N, C-alpha and C. Protein backbone atom coordinates (compact mmCIF):
# COMPACT_ATOMS: atom_id res chain seq x y z
N MET A 1 8.87 106.51 96.99
CA MET A 1 8.33 105.48 97.86
C MET A 1 9.21 104.24 97.76
N SER A 2 9.56 103.70 98.89
CA SER A 2 10.42 102.52 98.88
C SER A 2 9.59 101.26 99.05
N ASP A 3 10.13 100.16 98.55
CA ASP A 3 9.50 98.85 98.73
C ASP A 3 10.00 98.27 100.03
N GLU A 4 9.20 97.38 100.60
CA GLU A 4 9.60 96.65 101.79
C GLU A 4 9.45 95.16 101.51
N ILE A 5 10.47 94.39 101.88
CA ILE A 5 10.41 92.94 101.74
C ILE A 5 10.89 92.30 103.02
N ASN A 6 10.40 91.12 103.30
CA ASN A 6 10.92 90.35 104.43
C ASN A 6 12.23 89.71 104.00
N ARG A 7 13.08 89.42 104.97
CA ARG A 7 14.37 88.79 104.68
C ARG A 7 14.19 87.49 103.90
N SER A 8 13.09 86.80 104.14
CA SER A 8 12.84 85.53 103.45
C SER A 8 12.61 85.72 101.95
N ARG A 9 12.29 86.93 101.50
CA ARG A 9 12.06 87.21 100.09
C ARG A 9 13.29 87.81 99.41
N LEU A 10 14.38 87.85 100.12
CA LEU A 10 15.60 88.48 99.62
C LEU A 10 16.10 87.85 98.33
N GLU A 11 16.23 86.53 98.30
CA GLU A 11 16.77 85.87 97.11
C GLU A 11 15.83 86.01 95.91
N SER A 12 14.52 85.92 96.13
CA SER A 12 13.59 86.06 95.00
C SER A 12 13.59 87.49 94.47
N THR A 13 13.80 88.46 95.33
CA THR A 13 13.92 89.86 94.88
C THR A 13 15.18 90.02 94.03
N LEU A 14 16.26 89.42 94.44
CA LEU A 14 17.50 89.48 93.67
C LEU A 14 17.35 88.74 92.34
N ALA A 15 16.54 87.70 92.32
CA ALA A 15 16.36 86.90 91.10
C ALA A 15 15.67 87.69 89.99
N ASP A 16 14.99 88.76 90.35
CA ASP A 16 14.30 89.59 89.35
C ASP A 16 15.26 90.48 88.57
N ARG A 17 16.54 90.44 88.86
CA ARG A 17 17.53 91.30 88.20
C ARG A 17 18.27 90.50 87.13
N ALA A 18 18.97 91.21 86.24
CA ALA A 18 19.75 90.58 85.17
C ALA A 18 21.15 90.24 85.67
N TYR A 19 21.63 89.07 85.33
CA TYR A 19 22.96 88.60 85.71
C TYR A 19 23.69 88.12 84.47
N PRO A 20 25.03 88.13 84.51
CA PRO A 20 25.89 88.61 85.58
C PRO A 20 25.74 90.12 85.77
N ALA A 21 26.03 90.57 87.00
CA ALA A 21 25.88 91.98 87.34
C ALA A 21 27.03 92.42 88.23
N ASP A 22 27.48 93.66 88.03
CA ASP A 22 28.49 94.16 88.95
C ASP A 22 27.80 94.71 90.20
N ARG A 23 28.54 94.75 91.29
CA ARG A 23 27.99 95.12 92.59
C ARG A 23 27.31 96.48 92.55
N GLY A 24 27.95 97.47 91.95
CA GLY A 24 27.40 98.82 91.93
C GLY A 24 26.08 98.90 91.18
N ALA A 25 26.01 98.26 90.03
CA ALA A 25 24.78 98.28 89.24
C ALA A 25 23.65 97.55 89.96
N LEU A 26 23.97 96.43 90.59
CA LEU A 26 22.96 95.68 91.33
C LEU A 26 22.48 96.48 92.53
N ALA A 27 23.41 97.10 93.26
CA ALA A 27 23.05 97.92 94.41
C ALA A 27 22.15 99.07 93.99
N ASP A 28 22.47 99.71 92.87
CA ASP A 28 21.64 100.81 92.37
C ASP A 28 20.24 100.34 92.00
N SER A 29 20.14 99.13 91.43
CA SER A 29 18.85 98.63 90.96
C SER A 29 17.90 98.27 92.11
N VAL A 30 18.44 98.03 93.30
CA VAL A 30 17.59 97.68 94.45
C VAL A 30 17.60 98.74 95.54
N ALA A 31 18.26 99.86 95.29
CA ALA A 31 18.30 100.96 96.27
C ALA A 31 16.87 101.39 96.58
N GLY A 32 16.61 101.61 97.84
CA GLY A 32 15.26 102.01 98.26
C GLY A 32 14.40 100.85 98.69
N THR A 33 14.86 99.63 98.46
CA THR A 33 14.13 98.44 98.92
C THR A 33 14.57 98.15 100.35
N MET A 34 13.64 98.27 101.28
CA MET A 34 13.96 98.02 102.68
C MET A 34 13.74 96.56 103.01
N VAL A 35 14.77 95.92 103.57
CA VAL A 35 14.68 94.52 103.99
C VAL A 35 14.30 94.54 105.47
N LEU A 36 13.19 93.89 105.80
CA LEU A 36 12.70 93.85 107.18
C LEU A 36 13.28 92.65 107.90
N PHE A 37 13.87 92.91 109.06
CA PHE A 37 14.50 91.86 109.87
C PHE A 37 13.65 91.59 111.11
N ALA A 38 14.09 90.65 111.93
CA ALA A 38 13.41 90.34 113.18
C ALA A 38 13.34 91.57 114.08
N ASP A 39 14.38 92.41 114.03
CA ASP A 39 14.41 93.60 114.88
C ASP A 39 15.10 94.72 114.11
N GLY A 40 14.41 95.29 113.14
CA GLY A 40 14.97 96.39 112.39
C GLY A 40 14.83 96.20 110.90
N ASP A 41 15.53 97.04 110.15
CA ASP A 41 15.51 96.96 108.70
C ASP A 41 16.78 97.60 108.14
N ALA A 42 17.00 97.42 106.85
CA ALA A 42 18.16 98.02 106.18
C ALA A 42 17.84 98.13 104.70
N ASP A 43 18.46 99.11 104.06
CA ASP A 43 18.29 99.30 102.62
C ASP A 43 19.11 98.25 101.88
N LEU A 44 18.46 97.52 100.98
CA LEU A 44 19.14 96.45 100.25
C LEU A 44 20.29 96.98 99.41
N GLY A 45 20.13 98.15 98.80
CA GLY A 45 21.21 98.76 98.03
C GLY A 45 22.42 99.04 98.89
N ASP A 46 22.19 99.56 100.10
CA ASP A 46 23.30 99.84 101.03
C ASP A 46 24.00 98.56 101.45
N LEU A 47 23.22 97.50 101.70
CA LEU A 47 23.82 96.22 102.09
C LEU A 47 24.71 95.68 100.97
N LEU A 48 24.21 95.72 99.74
CA LEU A 48 25.01 95.24 98.61
C LEU A 48 26.27 96.07 98.41
N ALA A 49 26.20 97.35 98.68
CA ALA A 49 27.37 98.21 98.55
C ALA A 49 28.47 97.82 99.53
N GLU A 50 28.11 97.18 100.63
CA GLU A 50 29.08 96.75 101.65
C GLU A 50 29.77 95.43 101.30
N VAL A 51 29.23 94.69 100.36
CA VAL A 51 29.79 93.39 99.98
C VAL A 51 31.14 93.58 99.31
N ASP A 52 32.11 92.73 99.63
CA ASP A 52 33.45 92.81 99.04
C ASP A 52 33.50 92.32 97.59
N GLN A 53 32.61 91.44 97.24
CA GLN A 53 32.60 90.83 95.91
C GLN A 53 32.20 91.88 94.86
N ALA A 54 32.94 91.95 93.76
CA ALA A 54 32.72 92.98 92.75
C ALA A 54 31.67 92.60 91.70
N ARG A 55 31.43 91.30 91.52
CA ARG A 55 30.53 90.83 90.45
C ARG A 55 29.78 89.60 90.93
N PHE A 56 28.53 89.48 90.49
CA PHE A 56 27.69 88.35 90.86
C PHE A 56 27.25 87.61 89.60
N GLU A 57 27.37 86.30 89.61
CA GLU A 57 26.98 85.49 88.47
C GLU A 57 25.49 85.17 88.46
N GLY A 58 24.85 85.27 89.61
CA GLY A 58 23.42 84.98 89.71
C GLY A 58 22.88 85.42 91.05
N ALA A 59 21.56 85.27 91.22
CA ALA A 59 20.90 85.68 92.45
C ALA A 59 21.43 84.91 93.66
N ALA A 60 21.69 83.62 93.50
CA ALA A 60 22.20 82.82 94.62
C ALA A 60 23.58 83.32 95.04
N ASP A 61 24.38 83.73 94.09
CA ASP A 61 25.71 84.28 94.37
C ASP A 61 25.60 85.58 95.17
N ALA A 62 24.71 86.47 94.75
CA ALA A 62 24.50 87.74 95.46
C ALA A 62 23.93 87.49 96.85
N HIS A 63 22.99 86.57 96.94
CA HIS A 63 22.37 86.24 98.23
C HIS A 63 23.40 85.70 99.22
N ALA A 64 24.25 84.81 98.74
CA ALA A 64 25.30 84.25 99.61
C ALA A 64 26.26 85.33 100.09
N ALA A 65 26.63 86.25 99.21
CA ALA A 65 27.54 87.33 99.59
C ALA A 65 26.90 88.26 100.62
N LEU A 66 25.60 88.46 100.53
CA LEU A 66 24.90 89.33 101.47
C LEU A 66 24.90 88.77 102.90
N GLN A 67 24.98 87.46 103.02
CA GLN A 67 24.94 86.84 104.35
C GLN A 67 26.06 87.36 105.25
N ASN A 68 27.17 87.78 104.65
CA ASN A 68 28.31 88.27 105.43
C ASN A 68 28.16 89.72 105.90
N VAL A 69 27.20 90.45 105.36
CA VAL A 69 27.04 91.85 105.74
C VAL A 69 25.72 92.14 106.44
N LEU A 70 24.87 91.13 106.59
CA LEU A 70 23.60 91.35 107.27
C LEU A 70 23.85 91.70 108.73
N PRO A 71 23.12 92.66 109.27
CA PRO A 71 23.30 93.02 110.68
C PRO A 71 22.78 91.91 111.60
N ILE A 72 23.21 91.94 112.83
CA ILE A 72 22.82 90.92 113.81
C ILE A 72 21.30 90.87 113.97
N GLU A 73 20.63 91.99 113.74
CA GLU A 73 19.18 92.05 113.87
C GLU A 73 18.47 91.24 112.79
N ALA A 74 19.20 90.80 111.78
CA ALA A 74 18.59 90.11 110.64
C ALA A 74 18.07 88.72 110.98
N LEU A 75 18.60 88.10 112.00
CA LEU A 75 18.25 86.72 112.30
C LEU A 75 17.65 86.56 113.68
N GLY A 76 16.62 85.76 113.76
CA GLY A 76 16.06 85.36 115.04
C GLY A 76 15.45 86.49 115.84
N GLU A 77 15.17 86.19 117.06
CA GLU A 77 14.63 87.19 117.98
C GLU A 77 15.77 87.84 118.74
N PRO A 78 15.63 89.12 119.05
CA PRO A 78 16.69 89.80 119.78
C PRO A 78 17.00 89.09 121.10
N GLY A 79 18.29 88.95 121.38
CA GLY A 79 18.72 88.36 122.65
C GLY A 79 18.69 86.84 122.67
N GLN A 80 18.33 86.20 121.60
CA GLN A 80 18.27 84.74 121.56
C GLN A 80 19.56 84.19 120.96
N SER A 81 19.93 82.99 121.34
CA SER A 81 21.13 82.36 120.84
C SER A 81 20.80 81.03 120.19
N ASP A 82 21.39 80.77 119.04
CA ASP A 82 21.17 79.48 118.37
C ASP A 82 21.91 78.36 119.07
N GLY A 83 22.99 78.69 119.78
CA GLY A 83 23.85 77.67 120.35
C GLY A 83 23.41 77.13 121.70
N ASP A 84 22.50 77.79 122.36
CA ASP A 84 22.06 77.35 123.68
C ASP A 84 20.88 76.41 123.54
N ALA A 85 21.09 75.17 123.88
CA ALA A 85 19.99 74.22 123.78
C ALA A 85 19.76 73.52 125.10
């Protein structure tokens, strides 16, 4: 059975792990945790496996690195633009 978390709980979920941590060990420890986005979801372990960074010093470090691999569905409502005002 996998866990499900909202994207807003991503950093607190990462904070429950021991640091410093290498990418592979951290990805393994959260594999099966589904992150729910505005339009879709993704396995947190798979997302961490895509990060280029090999080691994380803390949860904030891992969270920041994840921002570069989150799918477009992770933010906002589908079809909406932040730049159009």
